[in-house]
Amino acid sequence: MTPIAPPGQGAAYSFEDSPGAGRFEYWLEDVDSAGVSTLHGPVAATIGVAEAPGNGTHRIFLPYLVR
């Protein structure tokens, strides 16, 4: 579990996965201070597809909204 950042500060989180080639979907779960769980996603990543020159990494951006 990753601790929260102070209100208004934002935060950076990372997750490293080493799957084989193919399409994968990821979900993000947040749990608030009252223990209420909310799922966000899916976000898809396709591994093994030709991409622009780079270091071979993929970035997945998950929006964070506060209501």
PDB file of N, CA and C in Angstrom:
ATOM      1  N   MET A   1       0.843  -1.163   0.000  1.00  0.00           N
ATOM      2  CA  MET A   1       0.000   0.000   0.000  1.00  0.00           C
ATOM      3  C   MET A   1       0.893   1.233   0.000  1.00  0.00           C
ATOM      4  N   THR A   2       0.531   2.231  -0.793  1.00  0.00           N
ATOM      5  CA  THR A   2       1.305   3.458  -0.891  1.00  0.00           C
ATOM      6  C   THR A   2       0.618   4.552  -0.085  1.00  0.00           C
ATOM      7  N   PRO A   3       1.319   5.216   0.819  1.00  0.00           N
ATOM      8  CA  PRO A   3       0.687   6.266   1.613  1.00  0.00           C
ATOM      9  C   PRO A   3       0.302   7.468   0.757  1.00  0.00           C
ATOM     10  N   ILE A   4      -0.686   8.226   1.217  1.00  0.00           N
ATOM     11  CA  ILE A   4      -1.143   9.392   0.473  1.00  0.00           C
ATOM     12  C   ILE A   4      -0.201  10.567   0.684  1.00  0.00           C
ATOM     13  N   ALA A   5      -0.277  11.530  -0.244  1.00  0.00           N
ATOM     14  CA  ALA A   5       0.473  12.769  -0.119  1.00  0.00           C
ATOM     15  C   ALA A   5      -0.404  13.783   0.619  1.00  0.00           C
ATOM     16  N   PRO A   6       0.190  14.830   1.175  1.00  0.00           N
ATOM     17  CA  PRO A   6      -0.616  15.864   1.827  1.00  0.00           C
ATOM     18  C   PRO A   6      -1.619  16.465   0.840  1.00  0.00           C
ATOM     19  N   PRO A   7      -2.782  16.919   1.308  1.00  0.00           N
ATOM     20  CA  PRO A   7      -3.789  17.498   0.410  1.00  0.00           C
ATOM     21  C   PRO A   7      -3.206  18.586  -0.481  1.00  0.00           C
ATOM     22  N   GLY A   8      -3.543  18.537  -1.755  1.00  0.00           N
ATOM     23  CA  GLY A   8      -3.082  19.532  -2.713  1.00  0.00           C
ATOM     24  C   GLY A   8      -1.667  19.331  -3.209  1.00  0.00           C
ATOM     25  N   GLN A   9      -0.958  18.345  -2.719  1.00  0.00           N
ATOM     26  CA  GLN A   9       0.439  18.134  -3.089  1.00  0.00           C
ATOM     27  C   GLN A   9       0.608  17.225  -4.297  1.00  0.00           C
ATOM     28  N   GLY A  10      -0.374  16.382  -4.579  1.00  0.00           N
ATOM     29  CA  GLY A  10      -0.209  15.407  -5.654  1.00  0.00           C
ATOM     30  C   GLY A  10       0.784  14.344  -5.219  1.00  0.00           C
ATOM     31  N   ALA A  11       0.992  13.374  -6.048  1.00  0.00           N
ATOM     32  CA  ALA A  11       1.922  12.306  -5.704  1.00  0.00           C
ATOM     33  C   ALA A  11       2.320  11.558  -6.960  1.00  0.00           C
ATOM     34  N   ALA A  12       3.443  10.903  -6.921  1.00  0.00           N
ATOM     35  CA  ALA A  12       3.901  10.063  -8.033  1.00  0.00           C
ATOM     36  C   ALA A  12       3.962   8.627  -7.540  1.00  0.00           C
ATOM     37  N   TYR A  13       3.419   7.735  -8.329  1.00  0.00           N
ATOM     38  CA  TYR A  13       3.424   6.317  -7.999  1.00  0.00           C
ATOM     39  C   TYR A  13       3.969   5.560  -9.192  1.00  0.00           C
ATOM     40  N   SER A  14       4.588   4.434  -8.952  1.00  0.00           N
ATOM     41  CA  SER A  14       5.083   3.633 -10.073  1.00  0.00           C
ATOM     42  C   SER A  14       4.845   2.162  -9.790  1.00  0.00           C
ATOM     43  N   PHE A  15       4.744   1.416 -10.870  1.00  0.00           N
ATOM     44  CA  PHE A  15       4.562  -0.029 -10.795  1.00  0.00           C
ATOM     45  C   PHE A  15       5.316  -0.620 -11.964  1.00  0.00           C
ATOM     46  N   GLU A  16       6.205  -1.535 -11.708  1.00  0.00           N
ATOM     47  CA  GLU A  16       6.996  -2.155 -12.762  1.00  0.00           C
ATOM     48  C   GLU A  16       6.495  -3.565 -13.004  1.00  0.00           C
ATOM     49  N   ASP A  17       6.204  -3.859 -14.255  1.00  0.00           N
ATOM     50  CA  ASP A  17       5.668  -5.157 -14.639  1.00  0.00           C
ATOM     51  C   ASP A  17       6.533  -5.682 -15.779  1.00  0.00           C
ATOM     52  N   SER A  18       6.720  -6.977 -15.864  1.00  0.00           N
ATOM     53  CA  SER A  18       7.540  -7.573 -16.923  1.00  0.00           C
ATOM     54  C   SER A  18       6.774  -8.674 -17.656  1.00  0.00           C
ATOM     55  N   PRO A  19       5.652  -8.308 -18.285  1.00  0.00           N
ATOM     56  CA  PRO A  19       4.886  -9.326 -19.008  1.00  0.00           C
ATOM     57  C   PRO A  19       5.524  -9.636 -20.355  1.00  0.00           C
ATOM     58  N   GLY A  20       5.072 -10.686 -20.995  1.00  0.00           N
ATOM     59  CA  GLY A  20       5.503 -10.990 -22.353  1.00  0.00           C
ATOM     60  C   GLY A  20       4.793 -10.062 -23.324  1.00  0.00           C
ATOM     61  N   ALA A  21       4.933 -10.331 -24.618  1.00  0.00           N
ATOM     62  CA  ALA A  21       4.284  -9.509 -25.637  1.00  0.00           C
ATOM     63  C   ALA A  21       2.776  -9.712 -25.575  1.00  0.00           C
ATOM     64  N   GLY A  22       2.040  -8.678 -25.936  1.00  0.00           N
ATOM     65  CA  GLY A  22       0.586  -8.768 -25.972  1.00  0.00           C
ATOM     66  C   GLY A  22      -0.062  -7.519 -25.420  1.00  0.00           C
ATOM     67  N   ARG A  23      -1.372  -7.580 -25.270  1.00  0.00           N
ATOM     68  CA  ARG A  23      -2.142  -6.448 -24.749  1.00  0.00           C
ATOM     69  C   ARG A  23      -2.527  -6.749 -23.301  1.00  0.00           C
ATOM     70  N   PHE A  24      -2.303  -5.779 -22.440  1.00  0.00           N
ATOM     71  CA  PHE A  24      -2.585  -5.939 -21.020  1.00  0.00           C
ATOM     72  C   PHE A  24      -3.411  -4.763 -20.530  1.00  0.00           C
ATOM     73  N   GLU A  25      -4.304  -5.023 -19.593  1.00  0.00           N
ATOM     74  CA  GLU A  25      -5.120  -3.972 -19.007  1.00  0.00           C
ATOM     75  C   GLU A  25      -4.804  -3.862 -17.522  1.00  0.00           C
ATOM     76  N   TYR A  26      -4.745  -2.636 -17.059  1.00  0.00           N
ATOM     77  CA  TYR A  26      -4.426  -2.368 -15.661  1.00  0.00           C
ATOM     78  C   TYR A  26      -5.530  -1.531 -15.033  1.00  0.00           C
ATOM     79  N   TRP A  27      -5.774  -1.773 -13.762  1.00  0.00           N
ATOM     80  CA  TRP A  27      -6.734  -1.021 -12.970  1.00  0.00           C
ATOM     81  C   TRP A  27      -5.991  -0.413 -11.787  1.00  0.00           C
ATOM     82  N   LEU A  28      -6.440   0.741 -11.347  1.00  0.00           N
ATOM     83  CA  LEU A  28      -5.896   1.381 -10.154  1.00  0.00           C
ATOM     84  C   LEU A  28      -7.013   1.434  -9.118  1.00  0.00           C
ATOM     85  N   GLU A  29      -6.707   1.005  -7.911  1.00  0.00           N
ATOM     86  CA  GLU A  29      -7.685   1.061  -6.825  1.00  0.00           C
ATOM     87  C   GLU A  29      -7.223   2.078  -5.798  1.00  0.00           C
ATOM     88  N   ASP A  30      -8.115   2.993  -5.434  1.00  0.00           N
ATOM     89  CA  ASP A  30      -7.794   3.879  -4.317  1.00  0.00           C
ATOM     90  C   ASP A  30      -8.744   3.565  -3.171  1.00  0.00           C
ATOM     91  N   VAL A  31      -8.218   3.685  -1.976  1.00  0.00           N
ATOM     92  CA  VAL A  31      -9.003   3.436  -0.768  1.00  0.00           C
ATOM     93  C   VAL A  31      -8.920   4.703   0.073  1.00  0.00           C
ATOM     94  N   ASP A  32     -10.083   5.324   0.331  1.00  0.00           N
ATOM     95  CA  ASP A  32     -10.058   6.570   1.094  1.00  0.00           C
ATOM     96  C   ASP A  32      -9.917   6.304   2.594  1.00  0.00           C
ATOM     97  N   SER A  33      -9.828   7.381   3.363  1.00  0.00           N
ATOM     98  CA  SER A  33      -9.584   7.241   4.804  1.00  0.00           C
ATOM     99  C   SER A  33     -10.734   6.562   5.548  1.00  0.00           C
ATOM    100  N   ALA A  34     -11.910   6.471   4.907  1.00  0.00           N
ATOM    101  CA  ALA A  34     -13.049   5.766   5.515  1.00  0.00           C
ATOM    102  C   ALA A  34     -13.083   4.299   5.097  1.00  0.00           C
ATOM    103  N   GLY A  35     -12.102   3.893   4.276  1.00  0.00           N
ATOM    104  CA  GLY A  35     -12.037   2.504   3.831  1.00  0.00           C
ATOM    105  C   GLY A  35     -12.846   2.204   2.587  1.00  0.00           C
ATOM    106  N   VAL A  36     -13.382   3.246   1.936  1.00  0.00           N
ATOM    107  CA  VAL A  36     -14.172   3.052   0.717  1.00  0.00           C
ATOM    108  C   VAL A  36     -13.231   2.884  -0.473  1.00  0.00           C
ATOM    109  N   SER A  37     -13.424   1.807  -1.217  1.00  0.00           N
ATOM    110  CA  SER A  37     -12.573   1.461  -2.355  1.00  0.00           C
ATOM    111  C   SER A  37     -13.218   1.928  -3.659  1.00  0.00           C
ATOM    112  N   THR A  38     -12.415   2.540  -4.545  1.00  0.00           N
ATOM    113  CA  THR A  38     -12.880   2.962  -5.862  1.00  0.00           C
ATOM    114  C   THR A  38     -11.892   2.454  -6.901  1.00  0.00           C
ATOM    115  N   LEU A  39     -12.402   1.791  -7.942  1.00  0.00           N
ATOM    116  CA  LEU A  39     -11.556   1.298  -9.030  1.00  0.00           C
ATOM    117  C   LEU A  39     -11.555   2.287 -10.186  1.00  0.00           C
ATOM    118  N   HIS A  40     -10.393   2.452 -10.836  1.00  0.00           N
ATOM    119  CA  HIS A  40     -10.232   3.332 -11.992  1.00  0.00           C
ATOM    120  C   HIS A  40      -9.615   2.506 -13.110  1.00  0.00           C
ATOM    121  N   GLY A  41     -10.164   2.605 -14.299  1.00  0.00           N
ATOM    122  CA  GLY A  41      -9.611   1.861 -15.418  1.00  0.00           C
ATOM    123  C   GLY A  41     -10.701   1.203 -16.208  1.00  0.00           C
ATOM    124  N   PRO A  42     -10.353   0.344 -17.112  1.00  0.00           N
ATOM    125  CA  PRO A  42      -8.991  -0.135 -17.357  1.00  0.00           C
ATOM    126  C   PRO A  42      -8.189   0.818 -18.241  1.00  0.00           C
ATOM    127  N   VAL A  43      -6.882   0.708 -18.132  1.00  0.00           N
ATOM    128  CA  VAL A  43      -5.942   1.382 -19.019  1.00  0.00           C
ATOM    129  C   VAL A  43      -5.171   0.278 -19.713  1.00  0.00           C
ATOM    130  N   ALA A  44      -5.085   0.344 -21.038  1.00  0.00           N
ATOM    131  CA  ALA A  44      -4.455  -0.733 -21.801  1.00  0.00           C
ATOM    132  C   ALA A  44      -3.035  -0.368 -22.221  1.00  0.00           C
ATOM    133  N   ALA A  45      -2.178  -1.361 -22.244  1.00  0.00           N
ATOM    134  CA  ALA A  45      -0.811  -1.224 -22.750  1.00  0.00           C
ATOM    135  C   ALA A  45      -0.555  -2.402 -23.677  1.00  0.00           C
ATOM    136  N   THR A  46       0.024  -2.118 -24.839  1.00  0.00           N
ATOM    137  CA  THR A  46       0.357  -3.177 -25.785  1.00  0.00           C
ATOM    138  C   THR A  46       1.870  -3.299 -25.838  1.00  0.00           C
ATOM    139  N   ILE A  47       2.374  -4.474 -25.542  1.00  0.00           N
ATOM    140  CA  ILE A  47       3.812  -4.729 -25.485  1.00  0.00           C
ATOM    141  C   ILE A  47       4.224  -5.512 -26.727  1.00  0.00           C
ATOM    142  N   GLY A  48       5.375  -5.172 -27.284  1.00  0.00           N
ATOM    143  CA  GLY A  48       5.891  -5.907 -28.431  1.00  0.00           C
ATOM    144  C   GLY A  48       5.492  -5.309 -29.761  1.00  0.00           C
ATOM    145  N   VAL A  49       4.993  -4.070 -29.757  1.00  0.00           N
ATOM    146  CA  VAL A  49       4.599  -3.383 -30.980  1.00  0.00           C
ATOM    147  C   VAL A  49       5.656  -2.329 -31.274  1.00  0.00           C
ATOM    148  N   ALA A  50       6.020  -2.188 -32.562  1.00  0.00           N
ATOM    149  CA  ALA A  50       7.025  -1.195 -32.940  1.00  0.00           C
ATOM    150  C   ALA A  50       6.567   0.192 -32.499  1.00  0.00           C
ATOM    151  N   GLU A  51       7.469   0.931 -31.893  1.00  0.00           N
ATOM    152  CA  GLU A  51       7.163   2.274 -31.415  1.00  0.00           C
ATOM    153  C   GLU A  51       8.237   3.230 -31.912  1.00  0.00           C
ATOM    154  N   ALA A  52       8.037   4.496 -31.636  1.00  0.00           N
ATOM    155  CA  ALA A  52       9.038   5.492 -31.980  1.00  0.00           C
ATOM    156  C   ALA A  52      10.323   5.185 -31.215  1.00  0.00           C
ATOM    157  N   PRO A  53      11.472   5.621 -31.741  1.00  0.00           N
ATOM    158  CA  PRO A  53      12.731   5.364 -31.038  1.00  0.00           C
ATOM    159  C   PRO A  53      12.663   5.876 -29.602  1.00  0.00           C
ATOM    160  N   GLY A  54      13.224   5.134 -28.713  1.00  0.00           N
ATOM    161  CA  GLY A  54      13.210   5.513 -27.300  1.00  0.00           C
ATOM    162  C   GLY A  54      13.950   4.468 -26.498  1.00  0.00           C
ATOM    163  N   ASN A  55      13.681   4.435 -25.231  1.00  0.00           N
ATOM    164  CA  ASN A  55      14.400   3.496 -24.377  1.00  0.00           C
ATOM    165  C   ASN A  55      13.612   2.217 -24.125  1.00  0.00           C
ATOM    166  N   GLY A  56      12.513   2.007 -24.854  1.00  0.00           N
ATOM    167  CA  GLY A  56      11.758   0.768 -24.721  1.00  0.00           C
ATOM    168  C   GLY A  56      10.783   0.743 -23.565  1.00  0.00           C
ATOM    169  N   THR A  57      10.556   1.884 -22.933  1.00  0.00           N
ATOM    170  CA  THR A  57       9.609   1.914 -21.822  1.00  0.00           C
ATOM    171  C   THR A  57       8.251   2.405 -22.294  1.00  0.00           C
ATOM    172  N   HIS A  58       7.246   2.128 -21.511  1.00  0.00           N
ATOM    173  CA  HIS A  58       5.889   2.581 -21.793  1.00  0.00           C
ATOM    174  C   HIS A  58       5.408   3.379 -20.601  1.00  0.00           C
ATOM    175  N   ARG A  59       4.657   4.432 -20.861  1.00  0.00           N
ATOM    176  CA  ARG A  59       4.068   5.213 -19.780  1.00  0.00           C
ATOM    177  C   ARG A  59       2.561   5.121 -19.888  1.00  0.00           C
ATOM    178  N   ILE A  60       1.928   4.924 -18.759  1.00  0.00           N
ATOM    179  CA  ILE A  60       0.476   4.891 -18.688  1.00  0.00           C
ATOM    180  C   ILE A  60       0.067   6.001 -17.737  1.00  0.00           C
ATOM    181  N   PHE A  61      -0.760   6.908 -18.212  1.00  0.00           N
ATOM    182  CA  PHE A  61      -1.209   8.013 -17.381  1.00  0.00           C
ATOM    183  C   PHE A  61      -2.623   7.744 -16.900  1.00  0.00           C
ATOM    184  N   LEU A  62      -2.820   7.803 -15.604  1.00  0.00           N
ATOM    185  CA  LEU A  62      -4.134   7.603 -14.999  1.00  0.00           C
ATOM    186  C   LEU A  62      -4.583   8.936 -14.422  1.00  0.00           C
ATOM    187  N   PRO A  63      -5.722   9.440 -14.875  1.00  0.00           N
ATOM    188  CA  PRO A  63      -6.177  10.730 -14.347  1.00  0.00           C
ATOM    189  C   PRO A  63      -6.556  10.620 -12.877  1.00  0.00           C
ATOM    190  N   TYR A  64      -6.354  11.701 -12.157  1.00  0.00           N
ATOM    191  CA  TYR A  64      -6.729  11.757 -10.747  1.00  0.00           C
ATOM    192  C   TYR A  64      -7.684  12.928 -10.582  1.00  0.00           C
ATOM    193  N   LEU A  65      -8.903  12.659 -10.188  1.00  0.00           N
ATOM    194  CA  LEU A  65      -9.915  13.697 -10.029  1.00  0.00           C
ATOM    195  C   LEU A  65     -10.374  13.747  -8.584  1.00  0.00           C
ATOM    196  N   VAL A  66     -10.541  14.957  -8.071  1.00  0.00           N
ATOM    197  CA  VAL A  66     -11.069  15.142  -6.727  1.00  0.00           C
ATOM    198  C   VAL A  66     -12.406  15.844  -6.872  1.00  0.00           C
ATOM    199  N   ARG A  67     -13.429  15.272  -6.268  1.00  0.00           N
ATOM    200  CA  ARG A  67     -14.757  15.894  -6.369  1.00  0.00           C
ATOM    201  C   ARG A  67     -15.140  16.504  -5.053  1.00  0.00           C
TER     202      ARG A  67
END
